[in-house]
Amino acid sequence: MKSQDVVVLLKLVSLQQEEETGADGIRSHLGAEAPYSVRGLESQLGTSKTEIGASFKRILSNGMAIKDRTTGRPKPNRRNLYDFIVHGLKFVFPASPGAMTRGLPTAFCAPMLKSALLSAGNYIYVWPDPGGRDIGQSVSPLFKSVPEAARNDVRLYEDLALVDAIRLGNQREAGLAKERLSKRLLGT
């Protein structure tokens, strides 16, 4: 498994949630089937078609997704994804704050999560991004295109910010992130 596989899985979950809520989102630009296609995901995630195709093969072979019988699209196994993020992600793809840089806020510094927890620190965490407006401690994203993908999809941004809260490992933040991610992925 590679780090971009987690990003692809979370994007697939985001697309499913978009369908469930009836939101049009990016679908209006790309047509009904296109968001799930390799080409559609390439444009939404800023990742090459080759990487998306390889990711599909890996997530289907390791049980993180199954092929939907009616549509043929990869369908994420949300329980397995949640368990991997909560119990294994910070060991396989650890994150640690780095130098101060300009970027896109992440973890509980992301705009949609900022009010959920009060921090004692003065610095925020950001994914390095030359187009970012905020300055904070850099955190390497799961994949290089994460800032671009997060700008394209608010749901995905929130999920990736929650994942970073777990990766950074502070017990209080990680606990709250796990609860929120459970509600988002499992509905519990």
Protein backbone atom coordinates (compact mmCIF):
# COMPACT_ATOMS: atom_id res chain seq x y z
CA MET A 1 0.00 0.00 0.00
CA LYS A 2 1.20 3.50 -0.80
CA SER A 3 0.18 6.80 0.75
CA GLN A 4 -1.69 7.93 -2.37
CA ASP A 5 -3.94 4.87 -1.99
CA VAL A 6 -5.40 6.40 1.19
CA VAL A 7 -6.03 9.67 -0.69
CA VAL A 8 -7.74 7.79 -3.56
CA LEU A 9 -9.89 5.80 -1.09
CA LEU A 10 -10.94 8.94 0.75
CA LYS A 11 -11.81 10.59 -2.58
CA LEU A 12 -13.96 7.60 -3.52
CA VAL A 13 -15.73 7.88 -0.15
CA SER A 14 -16.24 11.60 -0.81
CA LEU A 15 -17.79 10.83 -4.20
CA GLN A 16 -20.10 8.24 -2.59
CA GLN A 17 -21.19 10.75 0.05
CA GLU A 18 -21.83 13.29 -2.69
CA GLU A 19 -24.09 10.78 -4.44
CA GLU A 20 -25.89 9.88 -1.19
CA THR A 21 -26.66 13.51 -0.39
CA GLY A 22 -27.62 14.32 -3.96
CA ALA A 23 -25.05 17.11 -4.28
CA ASP A 24 -23.96 17.90 -7.83
CA GLY A 25 -20.45 19.11 -7.06
CA ILE A 26 -17.91 18.24 -9.72
CA ARG A 27 -20.30 15.82 -11.44
CA SER A 28 -21.99 18.68 -13.27
CA HIS A 29 -18.72 19.44 -15.06
CA LEU A 30 -17.68 15.90 -15.87
CA GLY A 31 -20.87 13.93 -16.53
CA ALA A 32 -22.43 11.07 -14.57
CA GLU A 33 -19.67 8.43 -14.71
CA ALA A 34 -16.58 10.58 -15.19
CA PRO A 35 -15.77 11.41 -11.54
CA TYR A 36 -15.02 7.73 -10.86
CA SER A 37 -12.95 7.26 -13.99
CA VAL A 38 -9.17 7.33 -13.96
CA ARG A 39 -9.29 10.53 -16.02
CA GLY A 40 -11.85 12.13 -13.69
CA LEU A 41 -9.84 11.25 -10.59
CA GLU A 42 -6.69 12.51 -12.29
CA SER A 43 -8.20 15.98 -12.69
CA GLN A 44 -9.76 16.02 -9.21
CA LEU A 45 -6.70 14.77 -7.32
CA GLY A 46 -3.89 16.21 -9.42
CA THR A 47 -2.38 12.73 -9.74
CA SER A 48 -1.36 10.98 -12.94
CA LYS A 49 -3.61 8.38 -14.59
CA THR A 50 -0.83 5.81 -14.15
CA GLU A 51 -0.72 6.40 -10.39
CA ILE A 52 -4.52 6.24 -10.13
CA GLY A 53 -4.61 2.97 -12.11
CA ALA A 54 -1.85 1.44 -9.97
CA SER A 55 -3.67 2.58 -6.84
CA PHE A 56 -6.89 0.90 -8.05
CA LYS A 57 -4.98 -2.37 -8.52
CA ARG A 58 -3.46 -2.18 -5.02
CA ILE A 59 -6.67 -1.29 -3.17
CA LEU A 60 -8.64 -3.99 -4.97
CA SER A 61 -5.98 -6.63 -4.29
CA ASN A 62 -5.53 -5.83 -0.61
CA GLY A 63 -9.25 -5.69 0.25
CA MET A 64 -9.45 -1.95 0.92
CA ALA A 65 -11.98 -1.80 -1.94
CA ILE A 66 -14.11 -4.17 -3.98
CA LYS A 67 -15.40 -3.82 -7.51
CA ASP A 68 -19.06 -2.86 -7.50
CA ARG A 69 -21.04 -5.53 -9.39
CA THR A 70 -23.40 -3.15 -11.14
CA THR A 71 -21.11 -0.22 -11.97
CA GLY A 72 -17.69 -1.91 -12.01
CA ARG A 73 -16.27 1.01 -9.99
CA PRO A 74 -14.00 0.45 -6.99
CA LYS A 75 -16.09 0.67 -3.83
CA PRO A 76 -14.11 1.43 -0.65
CA ASN A 77 -14.46 -0.89 2.32
CA ARG A 78 -15.08 1.90 4.83
CA ARG A 79 -14.54 -0.29 7.91
CA ASN A 80 -11.12 -1.49 6.70
CA LEU A 81 -10.16 2.06 5.71
CA TYR A 82 -11.17 3.43 9.12
CA ASP A 83 -9.30 0.66 10.96
CA PHE A 84 -6.16 1.24 8.90
CA ILE A 85 -6.25 5.01 9.43
CA VAL A 86 -6.86 4.74 13.17
CA HIS A 87 -4.53 1.84 13.98
CA GLY A 88 -1.81 1.78 11.35
CA LEU A 89 -1.47 4.98 9.38
CA LYS A 90 0.69 6.93 11.84
CA PHE A 91 3.17 4.04 11.92
CA VAL A 92 3.29 3.44 8.17
CA PHE A 93 3.12 7.11 7.09
CA PRO A 94 4.23 9.12 10.14
CA ALA A 95 4.04 12.91 10.22
CA SER A 96 6.12 15.35 12.21
CA PRO A 97 6.06 19.12 12.18
CA GLY A 98 8.84 20.74 10.19
CA ALA A 99 10.07 24.21 9.35
CA MET A 100 7.82 27.24 9.09
CA THR A 101 6.35 27.65 5.63
CA ARG A 102 3.43 29.04 3.67
CA GLY A 103 0.66 26.55 3.02
CA LEU A 104 -2.83 25.14 3.45
CA PRO A 105 -3.89 24.54 7.10
CA THR A 106 -4.28 20.91 8.15
CA ALA A 107 -5.18 18.79 11.20
CA PHE A 108 -7.24 20.85 13.65
CA CYS A 109 -5.93 24.07 12.12
CA ALA A 110 -8.02 23.48 8.97
CA PRO A 111 -10.86 26.03 8.72
CA MET A 112 -13.69 23.52 9.17
CA LEU A 113 -12.06 21.99 12.29
CA LYS A 114 -10.44 25.05 13.86
CA SER A 115 -13.22 25.66 16.39
CA ALA A 116 -13.40 22.01 17.50
CA LEU A 117 -10.35 22.21 19.76
CA LEU A 118 -8.47 25.01 21.45
CA SER A 119 -4.72 24.71 21.07
CA ALA A 120 -2.14 25.95 23.54
CA GLY A 121 0.41 26.52 20.78
CA ASN A 122 0.90 29.59 18.63
CA TYR A 123 1.73 27.74 15.45
CA ILE A 124 -0.60 26.02 13.08
CA TYR A 125 0.14 23.00 10.89
CA VAL A 126 0.14 23.47 7.12
CA TRP A 127 0.75 21.42 4.02
CA PRO A 128 3.44 23.29 2.08
CA ASP A 129 1.74 25.10 -0.79
CA PRO A 130 3.04 28.20 -2.59
CA GLY A 131 -0.54 29.38 -3.10
CA GLY A 132 -1.40 29.10 0.59
CA ARG A 133 -2.27 32.16 2.64
CA ASP A 134 -1.32 30.82 6.07
CA ILE A 135 2.11 30.40 7.62
CA GLY A 136 2.77 27.54 10.01
CA GLN A 137 4.79 24.43 10.70
CA SER A 138 5.00 22.25 7.64
CA VAL A 139 3.56 18.75 7.68
CA SER A 140 4.27 16.47 4.75
CA PRO A 141 0.94 15.51 3.19
CA LEU A 142 0.14 11.88 2.44
CA PHE A 143 0.84 12.62 -1.22
CA LYS A 144 2.31 15.59 -3.04
CA SER A 145 -0.97 16.57 -4.70
CA VAL A 146 -3.01 16.68 -1.47
CA PRO A 147 -3.20 20.51 -1.24
CA GLU A 148 -4.58 20.70 -4.79
CA ALA A 149 -7.05 17.87 -4.15
CA ALA A 150 -8.19 19.50 -0.88
CA ARG A 151 -8.88 22.80 -2.66
CA ASN A 152 -11.10 20.91 -5.15
CA ASP A 153 -13.19 19.00 -2.57
CA VAL A 154 -14.21 20.30 0.87
CA ARG A 155 -15.28 16.84 2.10
CA LEU A 156 -11.93 15.37 1.10
CA TYR A 157 -10.14 18.30 2.74
CA GLU A 158 -11.89 17.64 6.05
CA ASP A 159 -11.15 13.90 5.87
CA LEU A 160 -7.47 14.52 5.10
CA ALA A 161 -7.26 17.08 7.92
CA LEU A 162 -8.71 14.48 10.32
CA VAL A 163 -6.19 11.93 9.06
CA ASP A 164 -3.38 14.40 9.79
CA ALA A 165 -4.71 14.98 13.30
CA ILE A 166 -4.34 11.23 13.83
CA ARG A 167 -0.91 11.11 12.13
CA LEU A 168 0.47 13.92 14.29
CA GLY A 169 -0.37 11.79 17.32
CA ASN A 170 -1.43 14.19 20.09
CA GLN A 171 -3.78 12.08 22.18
CA ARG A 172 -6.54 14.63 22.66
CA GLU A 173 -6.63 15.72 19.00
CA ALA A 174 -6.28 12.15 17.74
CA GLY A 175 -9.16 10.98 19.92
CA LEU A 176 -11.48 13.67 18.63
CA ALA A 177 -10.33 13.04 15.06
CA LYS A 178 -11.09 9.33 15.43
CA GLU A 179 -14.62 10.10 16.64
CA ARG A 180 -15.30 12.48 13.76
CA LEU A 181 -13.79 10.12 11.19
CA SER A 182 -15.93 7.28 12.56
CA LYS A 183 -19.07 9.39 12.00
CA ARG A 184 -17.96 10.36 8.50
CA LEU A 185 -16.87 6.91 7.30
CA LEU A 186 -19.03 4.53 9.33
CA GLY A 187 -21.99 6.65 10.35
CA THR A 188 -21.42 5.85 14.04
